[in-house]
Amino acid sequence: MQDAWRAYLELAMGLAEAPRKKAQDVARRLVGSGGATAAQLQALGEELVTTGAANREALTKLVRFEVDRALGAVGLATADEVAELTRRVRDLERQLREARAGEPAGAPPAGP
């Protein structure tokens, strides 16, 4: 019985999603030992699903962080930086159009 619970804890504490076969083995051992009720097995299953989802989320965040860090190290702009620069260019183009629209016809262009 203690080995079954130890196996369950190893599954719950693992970084990656527990393989289905190992989870089924743990459930069989718990049922076989007579030390687990249906409610306990249901709770075990729900906890494994929740833990797996949390682990996937943590791993996704870690990968995103490392990718962002690597891209920053080689000097590539982030999507947010590109979006901000695009906004600024569009704003400057609008200002230029407005300035040109206000110039008298035949006047030389202003500035460099």
PDB file of N, CA and C in Angstrom:
ATOM      1  N   MET A   1       0.825  -1.192   0.000  1.00  0.00           N
ATOM      2  CA  MET A   1       0.000   0.000   0.000  1.00  0.00           C
ATOM      3  C   MET A   1       0.865   1.250   0.000  1.00  0.00           C
ATOM      4  N   GLN A   2       1.906   1.255   0.812  1.00  0.00           N
ATOM      5  CA  GLN A   2       2.782   2.411   0.902  1.00  0.00           C
ATOM      6  C   GLN A   2       3.498   2.634  -0.434  1.00  0.00           C
ATOM      7  N   ASP A   3       3.893   1.558  -1.113  1.00  0.00           N
ATOM      8  CA  ASP A   3       4.540   1.683  -2.424  1.00  0.00           C
ATOM      9  C   ASP A   3       3.598   2.312  -3.440  1.00  0.00           C
ATOM     10  N   ALA A   4       2.322   1.969  -3.371  1.00  0.00           N
ATOM     11  CA  ALA A   4       1.342   2.534  -4.298  1.00  0.00           C
ATOM     12  C   ALA A   4       1.213   4.031  -4.082  1.00  0.00           C
ATOM     13  N   TRP A   5       1.147   4.457  -2.825  1.00  0.00           N
ATOM     14  CA  TRP A   5       1.045   5.887  -2.548  1.00  0.00           C
ATOM     15  C   TRP A   5       2.330   6.610  -2.933  1.00  0.00           C
ATOM     16  N   ARG A   6       3.462   5.947  -2.727  1.00  0.00           N
ATOM     17  CA  ARG A   6       4.737   6.552  -3.118  1.00  0.00           C
ATOM     18  C   ARG A   6       4.765   6.739  -4.634  1.00  0.00           C
ATOM     19  N   ALA A   7       4.295   5.753  -5.379  1.00  0.00           N
ATOM     20  CA  ALA A   7       4.236   5.864  -6.836  1.00  0.00           C
ATOM     21  C   ALA A   7       3.314   7.007  -7.251  1.00  0.00           C
ATOM     22  N   TYR A   8       2.189   7.137  -6.541  1.00  0.00           N
ATOM     23  CA  TYR A   8       1.264   8.248  -6.829  1.00  0.00           C
ATOM     24  C   TYR A   8       1.951   9.588  -6.607  1.00  0.00           C
ATOM     25  N   LEU A   9       2.674   9.727  -5.503  1.00  0.00           N
ATOM     26  CA  LEU A   9       3.358  10.988  -5.222  1.00  0.00           C
ATOM     27  C   LEU A   9       4.413  11.287  -6.275  1.00  0.00           C
ATOM     28  N   GLU A  10       5.106  10.266  -6.741  1.00  0.00           N
ATOM     29  CA  GLU A  10       6.086  10.459  -7.804  1.00  0.00           C
ATOM     30  C   GLU A  10       5.399  10.960  -9.074  1.00  0.00           C
ATOM     31  N   LEU A  11       4.236  10.413  -9.370  1.00  0.00           N
ATOM     32  CA  LEU A  11       3.486  10.876 -10.535  1.00  0.00           C
ATOM     33  C   LEU A  11       3.061  12.333 -10.374  1.00  0.00           C
ATOM     34  N   ALA A  12       2.541  12.663  -9.200  1.00  0.00           N
ATOM     35  CA  ALA A  12       2.031  14.008  -8.961  1.00  0.00           C
ATOM     36  C   ALA A  12       3.149  15.042  -8.952  1.00  0.00           C
ATOM     37  N   MET A  13       4.325  14.668  -8.521  1.00  0.00           N
ATOM     38  CA  MET A  13       5.428  15.608  -8.408  1.00  0.00           C
ATOM     39  C   MET A  13       6.249  15.714  -9.691  1.00  0.00           C
ATOM     40  N   GLY A  14       5.988  14.844 -10.652  1.00  0.00           N
ATOM     41  CA  GLY A  14       6.769  14.843 -11.881  1.00  0.00           C
ATOM     42  C   GLY A  14       6.605  16.124 -12.675  1.00  0.00           C
ATOM     43  N   LEU A  15       7.638  16.502 -13.459  1.00  0.00           N
ATOM     44  CA  LEU A  15       7.594  17.732 -14.247  1.00  0.00           C
ATOM     45  C   LEU A  15       6.712  17.556 -15.474  1.00  0.00           C
ATOM     46  N   ALA A  16       6.759  16.412 -16.088  1.00  0.00           N
ATOM     47  CA  ALA A  16       5.973  16.183 -17.299  1.00  0.00           C
ATOM     48  C   ALA A  16       4.694  15.436 -16.947  1.00  0.00           C
ATOM     49  N   GLU A  17       3.774  15.425 -17.892  1.00  0.00           N
ATOM     50  CA  GLU A  17       2.517  14.701 -17.692  1.00  0.00           C
ATOM     51  C   GLU A  17       2.831  13.217 -17.521  1.00  0.00           C
ATOM     52  N   ALA A  18       2.181  12.615 -16.549  1.00  0.00           N
ATOM     53  CA  ALA A  18       2.440  11.212 -16.267  1.00  0.00           C
ATOM     54  C   ALA A  18       1.925  10.349 -17.402  1.00  0.00           C
ATOM     55  N   PRO A  19       2.722   9.384 -17.816  1.00  0.00           N
ATOM     56  CA  PRO A  19       2.238   8.486 -18.864  1.00  0.00           C
ATOM     57  C   PRO A  19       1.005   7.717 -18.388  1.00  0.00           C
ATOM     58  N   ARG A  20       0.080   7.517 -19.305  1.00  0.00           N
ATOM     59  CA  ARG A  20      -1.177   6.845 -18.976  1.00  0.00           C
ATOM     60  C   ARG A  20      -0.942   5.469 -18.367  1.00  0.00           C
ATOM     61  N   LYS A  21       0.005   4.729 -18.907  1.00  0.00           N
ATOM     62  CA  LYS A  21       0.244   3.367 -18.428  1.00  0.00           C
ATOM     63  C   LYS A  21       0.690   3.362 -16.964  1.00  0.00           C
ATOM     64  N   LYS A  22       1.561   4.315 -16.600  1.00  0.00           N
ATOM     65  CA  LYS A  22       2.028   4.369 -15.223  1.00  0.00           C
ATOM     66  C   LYS A  22       0.895   4.764 -14.278  1.00  0.00           C
ATOM     67  N   ALA A  23       0.060   5.700 -14.706  1.00  0.00           N
ATOM     68  CA  ALA A  23      -1.085   6.112 -13.888  1.00  0.00           C
ATOM     69  C   ALA A  23      -2.045   4.947 -13.693  1.00  0.00           C
ATOM     70  N   GLN A  24      -2.284   4.170 -14.751  1.00  0.00           N
ATOM     71  CA  GLN A  24      -3.169   3.015 -14.634  1.00  0.00           C
ATOM     72  C   GLN A  24      -2.575   1.976 -13.694  1.00  0.00           C
ATOM     73  N   ASP A  25      -1.263   1.811 -13.751  1.00  0.00           N
ATOM     74  CA  ASP A  25      -0.594   0.852 -12.866  1.00  0.00           C
ATOM     75  C   ASP A  25      -0.772   1.254 -11.406  1.00  0.00           C
ATOM     76  N   VAL A  26      -0.631   2.544 -11.127  1.00  0.00           N
ATOM     77  CA  VAL A  26      -0.814   3.025  -9.758  1.00  0.00           C
ATOM     78  C   VAL A  26      -2.243   2.764  -9.303  1.00  0.00           C
ATOM     79  N   ALA A  27      -3.209   3.064 -10.158  1.00  0.00           N
ATOM     80  CA  ALA A  27      -4.615   2.845  -9.796  1.00  0.00           C
ATOM     81  C   ALA A  27      -4.885   1.366  -9.532  1.00  0.00           C
ATOM     82  N   ARG A  28      -4.335   0.490 -10.360  1.00  0.00           N
ATOM     83  CA  ARG A  28      -4.525  -0.956 -10.163  1.00  0.00           C
ATOM     84  C   ARG A  28      -3.943  -1.413  -8.833  1.00  0.00           C
ATOM     85  N   ARG A  29      -2.756  -0.907  -8.517  1.00  0.00           N
ATOM     86  CA  ARG A  29      -2.131  -1.307  -7.250  1.00  0.00           C
ATOM     87  C   ARG A  29      -2.940  -0.820  -6.050  1.00  0.00           C
ATOM     88  N   LEU A  30      -3.493   0.387  -6.166  1.00  0.00           N
ATOM     89  CA  LEU A  30      -4.315   0.911  -5.066  1.00  0.00           C
ATOM     90  C   LEU A  30      -5.578   0.084  -4.902  1.00  0.00           C
ATOM     91  N   VAL A  31      -6.221  -0.246  -6.026  1.00  0.00           N
ATOM     92  CA  VAL A  31      -7.439  -1.052  -5.962  1.00  0.00           C
ATOM     93  C   VAL A  31      -7.104  -2.455  -5.467  1.00  0.00           C
ATOM     94  N   GLY A  32      -6.016  -3.020  -5.980  1.00  0.00           N
ATOM     95  CA  GLY A  32      -5.612  -4.377  -5.588  1.00  0.00           C
ATOM     96  C   GLY A  32      -5.274  -4.493  -4.119  1.00  0.00           C
ATOM     97  N   SER A  33      -4.763  -3.455  -3.543  1.00  0.00           N
ATOM     98  CA  SER A  33      -4.392  -3.498  -2.131  1.00  0.00           C
ATOM     99  C   SER A  33      -5.607  -3.329  -1.229  1.00  0.00           C
ATOM    100  N   GLY A  34      -6.741  -2.931  -1.828  1.00  0.00           N
ATOM    101  CA  GLY A  34      -7.947  -2.747  -1.040  1.00  0.00           C
ATOM    102  C   GLY A  34      -7.916  -1.483  -0.198  1.00  0.00           C
ATOM    103  N   GLY A  35      -6.940  -0.647  -0.444  1.00  0.00           N
ATOM    104  CA  GLY A  35      -6.812   0.547   0.377  1.00  0.00           C
ATOM    105  C   GLY A  35      -7.363   1.809  -0.258  1.00  0.00           C
ATOM    106  N   ALA A  36      -8.067   1.669  -1.387  1.00  0.00           N
ATOM    107  CA  ALA A  36      -8.577   2.867  -2.046  1.00  0.00           C
ATOM    108  C   ALA A  36     -10.039   2.669  -2.416  1.00  0.00           C
ATOM    109  N   THR A  37     -10.825   3.687  -2.179  1.00  0.00           N
ATOM    110  CA  THR A  37     -12.231   3.658  -2.568  1.00  0.00           C
ATOM    111  C   THR A  37     -12.368   4.306  -3.943  1.00  0.00           C
ATOM    112  N   ALA A  38     -13.554   4.188  -4.519  1.00  0.00           N
ATOM    113  CA  ALA A  38     -13.814   4.812  -5.817  1.00  0.00           C
ATOM    114  C   ALA A  38     -13.646   6.326  -5.716  1.00  0.00           C
ATOM    115  N   ALA A  39     -14.080   6.898  -4.618  1.00  0.00           N
ATOM    116  CA  ALA A  39     -13.951   8.346  -4.432  1.00  0.00           C
ATOM    117  C   ALA A  39     -12.485   8.750  -4.367  1.00  0.00           C
ATOM    118  N   GLN A  40     -11.676   7.957  -3.698  1.00  0.00           N
ATOM    119  CA  GLN A  40     -10.251   8.256  -3.616  1.00  0.00           C
ATOM    120  C   GLN A  40      -9.593   8.163  -4.993  1.00  0.00           C
ATOM    121  N   LEU A  41      -9.979   7.155  -5.762  1.00  0.00           N
ATOM    122  CA  LEU A  41      -9.424   7.010  -7.102  1.00  0.00           C
ATOM    123  C   LEU A  41      -9.867   8.155  -8.004  1.00  0.00           C
ATOM    124  N   GLN A  42     -11.111   8.604  -7.837  1.00  0.00           N
ATOM    125  CA  GLN A  42     -11.603   9.750  -8.607  1.00  0.00           C
ATOM    126  C   GLN A  42     -10.779  10.994  -8.258  1.00  0.00           C
ATOM    127  N   ALA A  43     -10.557  11.200  -6.973  1.00  0.00           N
ATOM    128  CA  ALA A  43      -9.762  12.342  -6.527  1.00  0.00           C
ATOM    129  C   ALA A  43      -8.332  12.244  -7.050  1.00  0.00           C
ATOM    130  N   LEU A  44      -7.784  11.039  -7.036  1.00  0.00           N
ATOM    131  CA  LEU A  44      -6.445  10.810  -7.567  1.00  0.00           C
ATOM    132  C   LEU A  44      -6.386  11.184  -9.045  1.00  0.00           C
ATOM    133  N   GLY A  45      -7.372  10.743  -9.804  1.00  0.00           N
ATOM    134  CA  GLY A  45      -7.413  11.057 -11.230  1.00  0.00           C
ATOM    135  C   GLY A  45      -7.517  12.546 -11.477  1.00  0.00           C
ATOM    136  N   GLU A  46      -8.381  13.207 -10.728  1.00  0.00           N
ATOM    137  CA  GLU A  46      -8.543  14.657 -10.885  1.00  0.00           C
ATOM    138  C   GLU A  46      -7.267  15.404 -10.515  1.00  0.00           C
ATOM    139  N   GLU A  47      -6.606  14.945  -9.470  1.00  0.00           N
ATOM    140  CA  GLU A  47      -5.360  15.594  -9.060  1.00  0.00           C
ATOM    141  C   GLU A  47      -4.266  15.395 -10.104  1.00  0.00           C
ATOM    142  N   LEU A  48      -4.211  14.215 -10.697  1.00  0.00           N
ATOM    143  CA  LEU A  48      -3.222  13.970 -11.747  1.00  0.00           C
ATOM    144  C   LEU A  48      -3.477  14.860 -12.960  1.00  0.00           C
ATOM    145  N   VAL A  49      -4.730  15.022 -13.331  1.00  0.00           N
ATOM    146  CA  VAL A  49      -5.070  15.892 -14.469  1.00  0.00           C
ATOM    147  C   VAL A  49      -4.699  17.335 -14.149  1.00  0.00           C
ATOM    148  N   THR A  50      -5.041  17.791 -12.957  1.00  0.00           N
ATOM    149  CA  THR A  50      -4.728  19.166 -12.550  1.00  0.00           C
ATOM    150  C   THR A  50      -3.220  19.390 -12.503  1.00  0.00           C
ATOM    151  N   THR A  51      -2.506  18.444 -11.932  1.00  0.00           N
ATOM    152  CA  THR A  51      -1.054  18.560 -11.843  1.00  0.00           C
ATOM    153  C   THR A  51      -0.427  18.560 -13.229  1.00  0.00           C
ATOM    154  N   GLY A  52      -0.913  17.699 -14.108  1.00  0.00           N
ATOM    155  CA  GLY A  52      -0.393  17.659 -15.471  1.00  0.00           C
ATOM    156  C   GLY A  52      -0.606  18.978 -16.191  1.00  0.00           C
ATOM    157  N   ALA A  53      -1.790  19.568 -16.028  1.00  0.00           N
ATOM    158  CA  ALA A  53      -2.085  20.855 -16.669  1.00  0.00           C
ATOM    159  C   ALA A  53      -1.182  21.956 -16.103  1.00  0.00           C
ATOM    160  N   ALA A  54      -0.997  21.963 -14.799  1.00  0.00           N
ATOM    161  CA  ALA A  54      -0.133  22.972 -14.182  1.00  0.00           C
ATOM    162  C   ALA A  54       1.312  22.805 -14.641  1.00  0.00           C
ATOM    163  N   ASN A  55       1.759  21.570 -14.758  1.00  0.00           N
ATOM    164  CA  ASN A  55       3.127  21.312 -15.209  1.00  0.00           C
ATOM    165  C   ASN A  55       3.326  21.740 -16.658  1.00  0.00           C
ATOM    166  N   ARG A  56       2.326  21.477 -17.513  1.00  0.00           N
ATOM    167  CA  ARG A  56       2.417  21.912 -18.913  1.00  0.00           C
ATOM    168  C   ARG A  56       2.479  23.433 -18.996  1.00  0.00           C
ATOM    169  N   GLU A  57       1.662  24.106 -18.184  1.00  0.00           N
ATOM    170  CA  GLU A  57       1.653  25.570 -18.163  1.00  0.00           C
ATOM    171  C   GLU A  57       3.015  26.111 -17.720  1.00  0.00           C
ATOM    172  N   ALA A  58       3.588  25.526 -16.678  1.00  0.00           N
ATOM    173  CA  ALA A  58       4.891  25.971 -16.180  1.00  0.00           C
ATOM    174  C   ALA A  58       5.969  25.738 -17.234  1.00  0.00           C
ATOM    175  N   LEU A  59       5.922  24.614 -17.893  1.00  0.00           N
ATOM    176  CA  LEU A  59       6.905  24.300 -18.931  1.00  0.00           C
ATOM    177  C   LEU A  59       6.757  25.251 -20.112  1.00  0.00           C
ATOM    178  N   THR A  60       5.533  25.571 -20.486  1.00  0.00           N
ATOM    179  CA  THR A  60       5.286  26.521 -21.579  1.00  0.00           C
ATOM    180  C   THR A  60       5.855  27.887 -21.229  1.00  0.00           C
ATOM    181  N   LYS A  61       5.620  28.344 -20.005  1.00  0.00           N
ATOM    182  CA  LYS A  61       6.160  29.645 -19.574  1.00  0.00           C
ATOM    183  C   LYS A  61       7.681  29.641 -19.595  1.00  0.00           C
ATOM    184  N   LEU A  62       8.272  28.551 -19.153  1.00  0.00           N
ATOM    185  CA  LEU A  62       9.730  28.448 -19.141  1.00  0.00           C
ATOM    186  C   LEU A  62      10.292  28.513 -20.559  1.00  0.00           C
ATOM    187  N   VAL A  63       9.669  27.790 -21.480  1.00  0.00           N
ATOM    188  CA  VAL A  63      10.130  27.798 -22.869  1.00  0.00           C
ATOM    189  C   VAL A  63       9.984  29.199 -23.467  1.00  0.00           C
ATOM    190  N   ARG A  64       8.847  29.852 -23.227  1.00  0.00           N
ATOM    191  CA  ARG A  64       8.647  31.219 -23.737  1.00  0.00           C
ATOM    192  C   ARG A  64       9.704  32.174 -23.194  1.00  0.00           C
ATOM    193  N   PHE A  65       9.983  32.067 -21.904  1.00  0.00           N
ATOM    194  CA  PHE A  65      10.988  32.929 -21.291  1.00  0.00           C
ATOM    195  C   PHE A  65      12.349  32.717 -21.944  1.00  0.00           C
ATOM    196  N   GLU A  66      12.731  31.466 -22.117  1.00  0.00           N
ATOM    197  CA  GLU A  66      14.040  31.159 -22.694  1.00  0.00           C
ATOM    198  C   GLU A  66      14.124  31.603 -24.155  1.00  0.00           C
ATOM    199  N   VAL A  67      13.042  31.449 -24.912  1.00  0.00           N
ATOM    200  CA  VAL A  67      13.034  31.909 -26.305  1.00  0.00           C
ATOM    201  C   VAL A  67      13.171  33.420 -26.357  1.00  0.00           C
ATOM    202  N   ASP A  68      12.416  34.132 -25.529  1.00  0.00           N
ATOM    203  CA  ASP A  68      12.514  35.594 -25.478  1.00  0.00           C
ATOM    204  C   ASP A  68      13.923  36.035 -25.101  1.00  0.00           C
ATOM    205  N   ARG A  69      14.507  35.350 -24.153  1.00  0.00           N
ATOM    206  CA  ARG A  69      15.859  35.688 -23.718  1.00  0.00           C
ATOM    207  C   ARG A  69      16.863  35.452 -24.840  1.00  0.00           C
ATOM    208  N   ALA A  70      16.721  34.332 -25.553  1.00  0.00           N
ATOM    209  CA  ALA A  70      17.631  34.030 -26.656  1.00  0.00           C
ATOM    210  C   ALA A  70      17.472  35.034 -27.795  1.00  0.00           C
ATOM    211  N   LEU A  71      16.253  35.391 -28.114  1.00  0.00           N
ATOM    212  CA  LEU A  71      16.026  36.384 -29.169  1.00  0.00           C
ATOM    213  C   LEU A  71      16.584  37.738 -28.779  1.00  0.00           C
ATOM    214  N   GLY A  72      16.445  38.097 -27.516  1.00  0.00           N
ATOM    215  CA  GLY A  72      17.014  39.359 -27.040  1.00  0.00           C
ATOM    216  C   GLY A  72      18.532  39.357 -27.128  1.00  0.00           C
ATOM    217  N   ALA A  73      19.142  38.211 -26.886  1.00  0.00           N
ATOM    218  CA  ALA A  73      20.602  38.115 -26.928  1.00  0.00           C
ATOM    219  C   ALA A  73      21.148  38.326 -28.337  1.00  0.00           C
ATOM    220  N   VAL A  74      20.374  37.959 -29.362  1.00  0.00           N
ATOM    221  CA  VAL A  74      20.843  38.150 -30.742  1.00  0.00           C
ATOM    222  C   VAL A  74      20.341  39.463 -31.321  1.00  0.00           C
ATOM    223  N   GLY A  75      19.597  40.225 -30.523  1.00  0.00           N
ATOM    224  CA  GLY A  75      19.182  41.555 -30.945  1.00  0.00           C
ATOM    225  C   GLY A  75      17.914  41.623 -31.769  1.00  0.00           C
ATOM    226  N   LEU A  76      17.129  40.579 -31.797  1.00  0.00           N
ATOM    227  CA  LEU A  76      15.866  40.621 -32.536  1.00  0.00           C
ATOM    228  C   LEU A  76      14.804  41.344 -31.710  1.00  0.00           C
ATOM    229  N   ALA A  77      13.979  42.110 -32.395  1.00  0.00           N
ATOM    230  CA  ALA A  77      12.909  42.844 -31.728  1.00  0.00           C
ATOM    231  C   ALA A  77      11.769  41.898 -31.364  1.00  0.00           C
ATOM    232  N   THR A  78      11.095  42.233 -30.273  1.00  0.00           N
ATOM    233  CA  THR A  78       9.917  41.461 -29.884  1.00  0.00           C
ATOM    234  C   THR A  78       8.722  41.931 -30.710  1.00  0.00           C
ATOM    235  N   ALA A  79       7.658  41.177 -30.688  1.00  0.00           N
ATOM    236  CA  ALA A  79       6.436  41.556 -31.405  1.00  0.00           C
ATOM    237  C   ALA A  79       5.896  42.878 -30.877  1.00  0.00           C
ATOM    238  N   ASP A  80       5.997  43.105 -29.575  1.00  0.00           N
ATOM    239  CA  ASP A  80       5.532  44.369 -28.989  1.00  0.00           C
ATOM    240  C   ASP A  80       6.364  45.550 -29.496  1.00  0.00           C
ATOM    241  N   GLU A  81       7.669  45.352 -29.592  1.00  0.00           N
ATOM    242  CA  GLU A  81       8.535  46.423 -30.098  1.00  0.00           C
ATOM    243  C   GLU A  81       8.227  46.745 -31.559  1.00  0.00           C
ATOM    244  N   VAL A  82       8.016  45.718 -32.356  1.00  0.00           N
ATOM    245  CA  VAL A  82       7.679  45.926 -33.767  1.00  0.00           C
ATOM    246  C   VAL A  82       6.337  46.646 -33.881  1.00  0.00           C
ATOM    247  N   ALA A  83       5.369  46.264 -33.080  1.00  0.00           N
ATOM    248  CA  ALA A  83       4.058  46.909 -33.111  1.00  0.00           C
ATOM    249  C   ALA A  83       4.169  48.384 -32.725  1.00  0.00           C
ATOM    250  N   GLU A  84       4.972  48.690 -31.718  1.00  0.00           N
ATOM    251  CA  GLU A  84       5.160  50.082 -31.295  1.00  0.00           C
ATOM    252  C   GLU A  84       5.839  50.889 -32.394  1.00  0.00           C
ATOM    253  N   LEU A  85       6.853  50.341 -33.020  1.00  0.00           N
ATOM    254  CA  LEU A  85       7.534  51.050 -34.112  1.00  0.00           C
ATOM    255  C   LEU A  85       6.595  51.252 -35.301  1.00  0.00           C
ATOM    256  N   THR A  86       5.780  50.267 -35.604  1.00  0.00           N
ATOM    257  CA  THR A  86       4.802  50.397 -36.691  1.00  0.00           C
ATOM    258  C   THR A  86       3.823  51.522 -36.385  1.00  0.00           C
ATOM    259  N   ARG A  87       3.362  51.592 -35.149  1.00  0.00           N
ATOM    260  CA  ARG A  87       2.451  52.657 -34.740  1.00  0.00           C
ATOM    261  C   ARG A  87       3.110  54.025 -34.894  1.00  0.00           C
ATOM    262  N   ARG A  88       4.360  54.122 -34.488  1.00  0.00           N
ATOM    263  CA  ARG A  88       5.073  55.399 -34.592  1.00  0.00           C
ATOM    264  C   ARG A  88       5.276  55.814 -36.051  1.00  0.00           C
ATOM    265  N   VAL A  89       5.619  54.862 -36.906  1.00  0.00           N
ATOM    266  CA  VAL A  89       5.806  55.172 -38.334  1.00  0.00           C
ATOM    267  C   VAL A  89       4.490  55.656 -38.936  1.00  0.00           C
ATOM    268  N   ARG A  90       3.402  54.990 -38.630  1.00  0.00           N
ATOM    269  CA  ARG A  90       2.102  55.410 -39.162  1.00  0.00           C
ATOM    270  C   ARG A  90       1.722  56.804 -38.675  1.00  0.00           C
ATOM    271  N   ASP A  91       2.024  57.088 -37.414  1.00  0.00           N
ATOM    272  CA  ASP A  91       1.746  58.412 -36.864  1.00  0.00           C
ATOM    273  C   ASP A  91       2.578  59.478 -37.581  1.00  0.00           C
ATOM    274  N   LEU A  92       3.856  59.203 -37.818  1.00  0.00           N
ATOM    275  CA  LEU A  92       4.718  60.148 -38.531  1.00  0.00           C
ATOM    276  C   LEU A  92       4.254  60.333 -39.977  1.00  0.00           C
ATOM    277  N   GLU A  93       3.818  59.260 -40.622  1.00  0.00           N
ATOM    278  CA  GLU A  93       3.302  59.377 -42.000  1.00  0.00           C
ATOM    279  C   GLU A  93       2.048  60.258 -42.028  1.00  0.00           C
ATOM    280  N   ARG A  94       1.190  60.084 -41.038  1.00  0.00           N
ATOM    281  CA  ARG A  94      -0.004  60.915 -40.953  1.00  0.00           C
ATOM    282  C   ARG A  94       0.363  62.383 -40.761  1.00  0.00           C
ATOM    283  N   GLN A  95       1.308  62.647 -39.868  1.00  0.00           N
ATOM    284  CA  GLN A  95       1.747  64.021 -39.640  1.00  0.00           C
ATOM    285  C   GLN A  95       2.347  64.624 -40.917  1.00  0.00           C
ATOM    286  N   LEU A  96       3.103  63.840 -41.654  1.00  0.00           N
ATOM    287  CA  LEU A  96       3.708  64.321 -42.893  1.00  0.00           C
ATOM    288  C   LEU A  96       2.634  64.649 -43.927  1.00  0.00           C
ATOM    289  N   ARG A  97       1.639  63.787 -44.066  1.00  0.00           N
ATOM    290  CA  ARG A  97       0.531  64.058 -44.995  1.00  0.00           C
ATOM    291  C   ARG A  97      -0.194  65.344 -44.625  1.00  0.00           C
ATOM    292  N   GLU A  98      -0.445  65.513 -43.328  1.00  0.00           N
ATOM    293  CA  GLU A  98      -1.127  66.723 -42.861  1.00  0.00           C
ATOM    294  C   GLU A  98      -0.278  67.963 -43.128  1.00  0.00           C
ATOM    295  N   ALA A  99       1.027  67.860 -42.912  1.00  0.00           N
ATOM    296  CA  ALA A  99       1.914  69.005 -43.141  1.00  0.00           C
ATOM    297  C   ALA A  99       1.955  69.356 -44.630  1.00  0.00           C
ATOM    298  N   ARG A 100       2.006  68.331 -45.478  1.00  0.00           N
ATOM    299  CA  ARG A 100       2.030  68.574 -46.923  1.00  0.00           C
ATOM    300  C   ARG A 100       0.704  69.162 -47.409  1.00  0.00           C
ATOM    301  N   ALA A 101      -0.377  68.740 -46.805  1.00  0.00           N
ATOM    302  CA  ALA A 101      -1.691  69.252 -47.208  1.00  0.00           C
ATOM    303  C   ALA A 101      -1.833  70.725 -46.849  1.00  0.00           C
ATOM    304  N   GLY A 102      -1.104  71.192 -45.848  1.00  0.00           N
ATOM    305  CA  GLY A 102      -1.192  72.585 -45.431  1.00  0.00           C
ATOM    306  C   GLY A 102      -0.243  73.511 -46.166  1.00  0.00           C
ATOM    307  N   GLU A 103       0.681  72.964 -46.981  1.00  0.00           N
ATOM    308  CA  GLU A 103       1.633  73.792 -47.728  1.00  0.00           C
ATOM    309  C   GLU A 103       0.946  74.463 -48.920  1.00  0.00           C
ATOM    310  N   PRO A 104       1.325  75.698 -49.232  1.00  0.00           N
ATOM    311  CA  PRO A 104       0.780  76.323 -50.440  1.00  0.00           C
ATOM    312  C   PRO A 104       1.342  75.638 -51.681  1.00  0.00           C
ATOM    313  N   ALA A 105       0.583  75.634 -52.757  1.00  0.00           N
ATOM    314  CA  ALA A 105       1.014  75.005 -54.015  1.00  0.00           C
ATOM    315  C   ALA A 105       2.258  75.701 -54.530  1.00  0.00           C
ATOM    316  N   GLY A 106       3.222  74.945 -55.006  1.00  0.00           N
ATOM    317  CA  GLY A 106       4.442  75.468 -55.586  1.00  0.00           C
ATOM    318  C   GLY A 106       5.493  75.855 -54.569  1.00  0.00           C
ATOM    319  N   ALA A 107       5.223  75.737 -53.288  1.00  0.00           N
ATOM    320  CA  ALA A 107       6.199  76.071 -52.268  1.00  0.00           C
ATOM    321  C   ALA A 107       7.253  74.974 -52.205  1.00  0.00           C
ATOM    322  N   PRO A 108       8.515  75.327 -51.980  1.00  0.00           N
ATOM    323  CA  PRO A 108       9.551  74.287 -51.854  1.00  0.00           C
ATOM    324  C   PRO A 108       9.315  73.437 -50.608  1.00  0.00           C
ATOM    325  N   PRO A 109       9.704  72.155 -50.653  1.00  0.00           N
ATOM    326  CA  PRO A 109       9.523  71.279 -49.488  1.00  0.00           C
ATOM    327  C   PRO A 109      10.246  71.842 -48.279  1.00  0.00           C
ATOM    328  N   ALA A 110       9.652  71.682 -47.120  1.00  0.00           N
ATOM    329  CA  ALA A 110      10.237  72.210 -45.887  1.00  0.00           C
ATOM    330  C   ALA A 110      11.238  71.213 -45.318  1.00  0.00           C
ATOM    331  N   GLY A 111      12.378  71.758 -44.888  1.00  0.00           N
ATOM    332  CA  GLY A 111      13.361  70.965 -44.150  1.00  0.00           C
ATOM    333  C   GLY A 111      14.026  69.886 -44.957  1.00  0.00           C
ATOM    334  N   PRO A 112      14.936  69.150 -44.297  1.00  0.00           N
ATOM    335  CA  PRO A 112      15.680  68.079 -44.979  1.00  0.00           C
ATOM    336  C   PRO A 112      14.835  66.861 -45.257  1.00  0.00           C
TER     337      PRO A 112
END
